[in-house]
Structure formats: C-alpha cells, structure tokens
C-alpha cells in the first residue's frame, strides 16, 4: 500500500484499531486519533511495538468539535508529510426506545456518528482539493442504515445519514480525484461494544448471522483496506455490506 492514513476513533480494541493495524500490515503509515488520551497512548505503544520500522503517529481529537477536527488534518499533514487515506470510524450507539428517548440522547448519537463524519469529510476534502495527488475516504456505516432494530432509531438514523453523505459527497469529490465509499457491518464484537450493548442482545444478533457468530474486527478492517487501496479505483459512492445475514 505505502500510503499515509488517518483513522478516527482508533484507540482500544475495535474496528479503528484493527484498521490501523491492517494499514501497517500493508506497508502504510498511520495517524490514529481518539478523544481518550490514555487509550490512545496505549494504542500507539502496541502498534509501534509490532511495527517498529513504520510511522505511527497520534493526535487527540474530540470529533464533536469542528476546531479539533480541522486541527487533526493540519497536524496529520505535518506529521505524516501527506494524507492519502481517511477512515471515518467514530460512532456512538446505545439502546433507547423512541418513546423514552430524550433530545440529548438523540442529539449526542447523531452528533458523534453523523455530524462527526461530515466534519471529517469536509476537512478531508478541503485538504485533498488543495493537493495534486487526490485521496480516498472510507466511512464506517452499519446495516442498521437499511434495517430496523428495536431501540436503535437514533443510531440507525445516523448511519443512514452516513450512507447518504457518502453517496452525495462522492459525486462532489470525483471532480478532483477523490473516492468516497463506506462499509456497512452487521455486527463486529469487541470489548467496547459490550459496554454500550447488552451481552444478551449481542448473542441474539450474532445467532442471526449465517455463520452463527459476529464478525471479528479484522474482517471489517480488511474490507476497509480494500476500499482504501488501488484494488477499488473505479468504486465511489458505494456502501459495501460486510455481513453474513441469513438469505
């Protein structure tokens, strides 16, 4: 790959961390971002230990802040020398029926999941428009952007918005050589997910998959890497489902 990538919400054990590792496995360099300083530091230490000859940088960023997102791109361009790939991985879920949902709950999920993707996409396109080499964005959506699930209206609405943003921004970005696609996982189980979703629900969702299990985070990361690579140069505005739902 040999590319320079920014990956948001990459601290911890989830899809973001696994995507950073995948980029490094493919020979690229990464800048990982998260709002949690301690977890971000631990993530950088793990990646540097496994890939000692490659560049691993980090910037603390709260994706709910336009100022911090804009600063992330300025800092990433300085630290990496250039930006080729942006993976918008930040998102926030939860379980609340609409009848019980507060404005704050709705707004928080929409802000972290959808608005942050907009902020990052805008900053990325401003950067890519100013350089001659173009670039690639990959957004993390969800099958809930297509499907209904109890108590997930806020998250589903946000992910459907990510899909629409992906399609529309891709059309705009094509004129200056930028591709924008998204992955749409069904369920990828990791430690952080268990903190916001009950084990019972996770077991139920996993049992509904054709393989009778949730995806491993690396299985999502490999598709993100494919979309970010030169193996998908004719794809833009596409939402790729990464799932094994029963036919």
Protein backbone atom coordinates (compact mmCIF):
# COMPACT_ATOMS: atom_id res chain seq x y z
CA UNK A 1 0.00 0.00 0.00
CA UNK A 2 2.68 2.55 1.02
CA UNK A 3 0.00 5.13 1.88
CA UNK A 4 -0.45 7.61 4.73
CA UNK A 5 -3.72 7.16 6.62
CA UNK A 6 -5.75 8.96 9.29
CA UNK A 7 -8.07 6.73 11.31
CA UNK A 8 -10.50 8.27 13.79
CA UNK A 9 -11.74 6.55 16.96
CA UNK A 10 -8.84 4.13 16.70
CA UNK A 11 -7.99 3.63 20.39
CA UNK A 12 -8.88 0.38 22.08
CA UNK A 13 -9.81 -2.96 20.52
CA UNK A 14 -12.39 -2.09 17.89
CA UNK A 15 -12.59 -1.63 14.13
CA UNK A 16 -10.48 1.53 14.19
CA UNK A 17 -7.54 -0.14 15.90
CA UNK A 18 -7.78 -3.17 13.63
CA UNK A 19 -7.90 -0.91 10.57
CA UNK A 20 -4.75 0.90 11.70
CA UNK A 21 -3.04 -2.45 12.12
CA UNK A 22 -4.22 -3.56 8.66
CA UNK A 23 -2.80 -0.42 7.03
CA UNK A 24 0.54 -1.07 8.72
CA UNK A 25 0.48 -4.72 7.62
CA UNK A 26 0.01 -3.47 4.06
CA UNK A 27 3.10 -1.27 4.37
CA UNK A 28 1.41 2.06 5.06
CA UNK A 29 1.89 4.62 7.83
CA UNK A 30 -0.86 5.75 10.18
CA UNK A 31 -2.01 8.55 12.38
CA UNK A 32 -4.58 7.36 14.89
CA UNK A 33 -6.99 9.70 16.61
CA UNK A 34 -9.29 9.43 19.61
CA UNK A 35 -10.62 11.61 22.42
CA UNK A 36 -9.41 9.23 25.15
CA UNK A 37 -5.78 10.17 25.85
CA UNK A 38 -4.74 7.10 27.86
CA UNK A 39 -6.25 4.57 25.47
CA UNK A 40 -4.77 6.43 22.51
CA UNK A 41 -1.32 6.30 24.07
CA UNK A 42 -1.66 2.57 24.73
CA UNK A 43 -2.78 2.02 21.15
CA UNK A 44 0.27 3.82 19.75
CA UNK A 45 2.57 1.78 22.00
CA UNK A 46 1.04 -1.50 20.78
CA UNK A 47 1.30 -0.55 17.13
CA UNK A 48 4.86 0.76 17.41
CA UNK A 49 5.92 -2.42 19.20
CA UNK A 50 4.50 -4.60 16.44
CA UNK A 51 5.65 -2.39 13.55
CA UNK A 52 8.94 -0.83 14.71
CA UNK A 53 10.05 0.27 11.25
CA UNK A 54 6.91 2.17 10.34
CA UNK A 55 5.46 5.54 11.26
CA UNK A 56 2.71 5.56 13.89
CA UNK A 57 1.52 8.99 14.98
CA UNK A 58 -1.40 10.18 17.10
CA UNK A 59 -3.46 13.27 17.78
CA UNK A 60 -6.11 13.61 20.47
CA UNK A 61 -9.34 14.75 18.85
CA UNK A 62 -12.93 15.18 20.00
CA UNK A 63 -14.86 14.66 16.77
CA UNK A 64 -17.78 16.71 18.12
CA UNK A 65 -15.57 19.81 17.76
CA UNK A 66 -15.09 21.41 14.35
CA UNK A 67 -11.95 23.14 15.61
CA UNK A 68 -10.38 19.89 16.78
CA UNK A 69 -11.28 18.03 13.59
CA UNK A 70 -9.79 20.78 11.44
CA UNK A 71 -6.67 20.77 13.63
CA UNK A 72 -6.45 16.99 13.23
CA UNK A 73 -5.97 17.33 9.48
CA UNK A 74 -3.44 20.13 9.78
CA UNK A 75 -1.48 18.11 12.33
CA UNK A 76 -1.73 14.88 10.36
CA UNK A 77 -0.42 16.50 7.19
CA UNK A 78 2.53 17.89 9.16
CA UNK A 79 3.36 14.65 10.98
CA UNK A 80 2.84 12.24 8.07
CA UNK A 81 4.05 14.56 5.34
CA UNK A 82 0.90 13.94 3.32
CA UNK A 83 -2.52 12.33 3.68
CA UNK A 84 -3.72 9.64 1.26
CA UNK A 85 -6.47 7.86 3.20
CA UNK A 86 -9.05 8.93 5.76
CA UNK A 87 -11.10 6.37 7.66
CA UNK A 88 -14.07 7.92 9.46
CA UNK A 89 -14.71 5.35 12.16
CA UNK A 90 -16.16 7.41 15.02
CA UNK A 91 -19.65 6.46 16.16
CA UNK A 92 -21.82 6.17 19.24
CA UNK A 93 -24.72 3.81 19.88
CA UNK A 94 -26.98 2.82 22.73
CA UNK A 95 -30.35 1.22 23.39
CA UNK A 96 -33.34 3.53 23.94
CA UNK A 97 -36.89 3.24 22.57
CA UNK A 98 -38.12 6.37 20.81
CA UNK A 99 -40.89 6.85 23.38
CA UNK A 100 -38.28 7.14 26.15
CA UNK A 101 -35.57 8.95 24.20
CA UNK A 102 -34.53 12.44 25.28
CA UNK A 103 -33.41 15.20 22.95
CA UNK A 104 -29.94 14.94 24.46
CA UNK A 105 -29.72 11.20 23.72
CA UNK A 106 -30.84 11.73 20.13
CA UNK A 107 -28.54 14.72 19.58
CA UNK A 108 -25.49 13.02 21.10
CA UNK A 109 -25.71 9.93 18.89
CA UNK A 110 -26.40 11.99 15.75
CA UNK A 111 -23.52 14.33 16.56
CA UNK A 112 -20.86 11.69 17.21
CA UNK A 113 -22.00 9.29 14.49
CA UNK A 114 -23.19 11.52 11.63
CA UNK A 115 -22.06 15.08 12.26
CA UNK A 116 -18.51 13.97 13.03
CA UNK A 117 -18.35 12.14 9.70
CA UNK A 118 -19.47 15.34 8.00
CA UNK A 119 -16.85 17.41 9.84
CA UNK A 120 -14.08 15.00 8.92
CA UNK A 121 -15.27 14.63 5.32
CA UNK A 122 -15.34 18.41 4.91
CA UNK A 123 -11.83 18.80 6.35
CA UNK A 124 -10.53 15.92 4.22
CA UNK A 125 -12.00 17.30 1.00
CA UNK A 126 -10.58 20.76 1.69
CA UNK A 127 -7.17 19.14 2.11
CA UNK A 128 -7.44 16.88 -0.95
CA UNK A 129 -8.74 19.72 -3.10
CA UNK A 130 -5.57 21.68 -2.33
CA UNK A 131 -3.09 18.93 -3.28
CA UNK A 132 -2.40 17.25 -6.63
CA UNK A 133 -2.49 13.60 -5.57
CA UNK A 134 -6.15 13.06 -4.63
CA UNK A 135 -7.14 10.58 -1.94
CA UNK A 136 -9.63 8.11 -0.51
CA UNK A 137 -12.20 8.27 2.28
CA UNK A 138 -13.83 5.22 3.83
CA UNK A 139 -16.74 5.74 6.21
CA UNK A 140 -18.00 3.24 8.76
CA UNK A 141 -21.76 2.85 8.36
CA UNK A 142 -23.96 -0.04 9.55
CA UNK A 143 -26.59 -2.44 8.25
CA UNK A 144 -28.95 -0.51 10.54
CA UNK A 145 -28.84 2.22 7.93
CA UNK A 146 -31.01 -0.21 5.92
CA UNK A 147 -32.70 -2.38 8.55
CA UNK A 148 -34.96 -1.81 11.53
CA UNK A 149 -33.95 -2.76 15.08
CA UNK A 150 -35.76 -2.07 18.33
CA UNK A 151 -34.37 0.81 20.44
CA UNK A 152 -31.86 1.87 17.76
CA UNK A 153 -33.72 4.69 15.99
CA UNK A 154 -31.06 7.31 16.76
CA UNK A 155 -28.16 5.12 15.70
CA UNK A 156 -29.96 3.80 12.62
CA UNK A 157 -30.91 7.31 11.53
CA UNK A 158 -27.31 8.45 11.98
CA UNK A 159 -25.90 5.54 9.99
CA UNK A 160 -28.45 6.04 7.21
CA UNK A 161 -27.22 9.63 7.15
CA UNK A 162 -23.62 8.42 6.84
CA UNK A 163 -24.67 6.38 3.82
CA UNK A 164 -26.37 9.37 2.18
CA UNK A 165 -23.42 11.62 2.98
CA UNK A 166 -21.10 9.04 1.42
CA UNK A 167 -23.07 8.92 -1.83
CA UNK A 168 -23.53 12.68 -2.22
CA UNK A 169 -20.03 13.74 -1.20
CA UNK A 170 -18.56 11.10 -3.53
CA UNK A 171 -20.23 12.76 -6.51
CA UNK A 172 -18.82 16.14 -5.48
CA UNK A 173 -15.34 14.76 -4.80
CA UNK A 174 -14.94 12.85 -8.06
CA UNK A 175 -14.05 16.01 -9.98
CA UNK A 176 -10.80 16.36 -8.05
CA UNK A 177 -9.79 12.73 -7.90
CA UNK A 178 -11.15 11.66 -4.53
CA UNK A 179 -13.07 8.43 -3.91
CA UNK A 180 -15.51 8.04 -1.01
CA UNK A 181 -17.05 4.71 -0.03
CA UNK A 182 -18.40 3.09 3.13
CA UNK A 183 -18.51 -0.27 4.83
CA UNK A 184 -21.73 -1.43 6.44
CA UNK A 185 -21.03 -4.10 9.08
CA UNK A 186 -23.80 -6.14 10.65
CA UNK A 187 -22.09 -6.97 13.94
CA UNK A 188 -18.42 -6.96 14.89
CA UNK A 189 -17.92 -7.90 18.51
CA UNK A 190 -15.24 -6.25 20.65
CA UNK A 191 -14.73 -5.07 24.23
CA UNK A 192 -16.05 -1.53 23.79
CA UNK A 193 -19.29 -2.73 22.17
CA UNK A 194 -20.12 -4.73 25.29
CA UNK A 195 -20.04 -1.52 27.31
CA UNK A 196 -22.90 0.07 25.35
CA UNK A 197 -24.93 -3.01 24.36
CA UNK A 198 -26.14 -5.90 26.48
CA UNK A 199 -24.47 -9.30 26.12
CA UNK A 200 -27.92 -10.82 25.59
CA UNK A 201 -28.60 -8.61 22.57
CA UNK A 202 -25.14 -9.25 21.15
CA UNK A 203 -25.68 -13.01 21.48
CA UNK A 204 -29.06 -12.69 19.78
CA UNK A 205 -27.68 -10.66 16.89
CA UNK A 206 -24.72 -13.00 16.42
CA UNK A 207 -27.01 -16.05 16.32
CA UNK A 208 -28.92 -14.46 13.43
CA UNK A 209 -25.84 -14.43 11.22
CA UNK A 210 -25.34 -17.24 8.70
CA UNK A 211 -22.15 -18.33 10.46
CA UNK A 212 -23.80 -18.14 13.87
CA UNK A 213 -21.21 -15.64 15.12
CA UNK A 214 -20.32 -11.98 15.00
CA UNK A 215 -17.58 -10.76 12.70
CA UNK A 216 -14.07 -10.32 14.03
CA UNK A 217 -12.95 -6.69 13.82
CA UNK A 218 -10.13 -7.66 11.44
CA UNK A 219 -12.72 -9.00 9.00
CA UNK A 220 -14.21 -5.50 8.73
CA UNK A 221 -10.76 -3.91 8.56
CA UNK A 222 -9.75 -5.98 5.53
CA UNK A 223 -12.72 -4.62 3.55
CA UNK A 224 -11.88 -1.07 4.63
CA UNK A 225 -8.31 -1.66 3.45
CA UNK A 226 -9.57 -2.94 0.10
CA UNK A 227 -11.72 0.17 -0.39
CA UNK A 228 -8.76 2.37 0.53
CA UNK A 229 -6.43 0.57 -1.87
CA UNK A 230 -5.82 0.65 -5.60
CA UNK A 231 -7.89 -2.53 -5.93
CA UNK A 232 -11.05 -0.41 -5.95
CA UNK A 233 -10.14 2.57 -8.13
CA UNK A 234 -13.46 2.53 -10.00
CA UNK A 235 -15.61 2.45 -6.87
CA UNK A 236 -17.05 5.61 -5.36
CA UNK A 237 -20.29 6.40 -3.56
CA UNK A 238 -20.73 2.70 -2.75
CA UNK A 239 -21.89 1.14 0.53
CA UNK A 240 -20.38 -2.32 0.95
CA UNK A 241 -22.24 -4.63 3.30
CA UNK A 242 -19.91 -6.70 5.49
CA UNK A 243 -22.30 -9.23 6.95
CA UNK A 244 -23.44 -12.84 6.82
CA UNK A 245 -27.17 -12.38 7.27
CA UNK A 246 -29.36 -15.40 6.54
CA UNK A 247 -30.71 -15.39 2.98
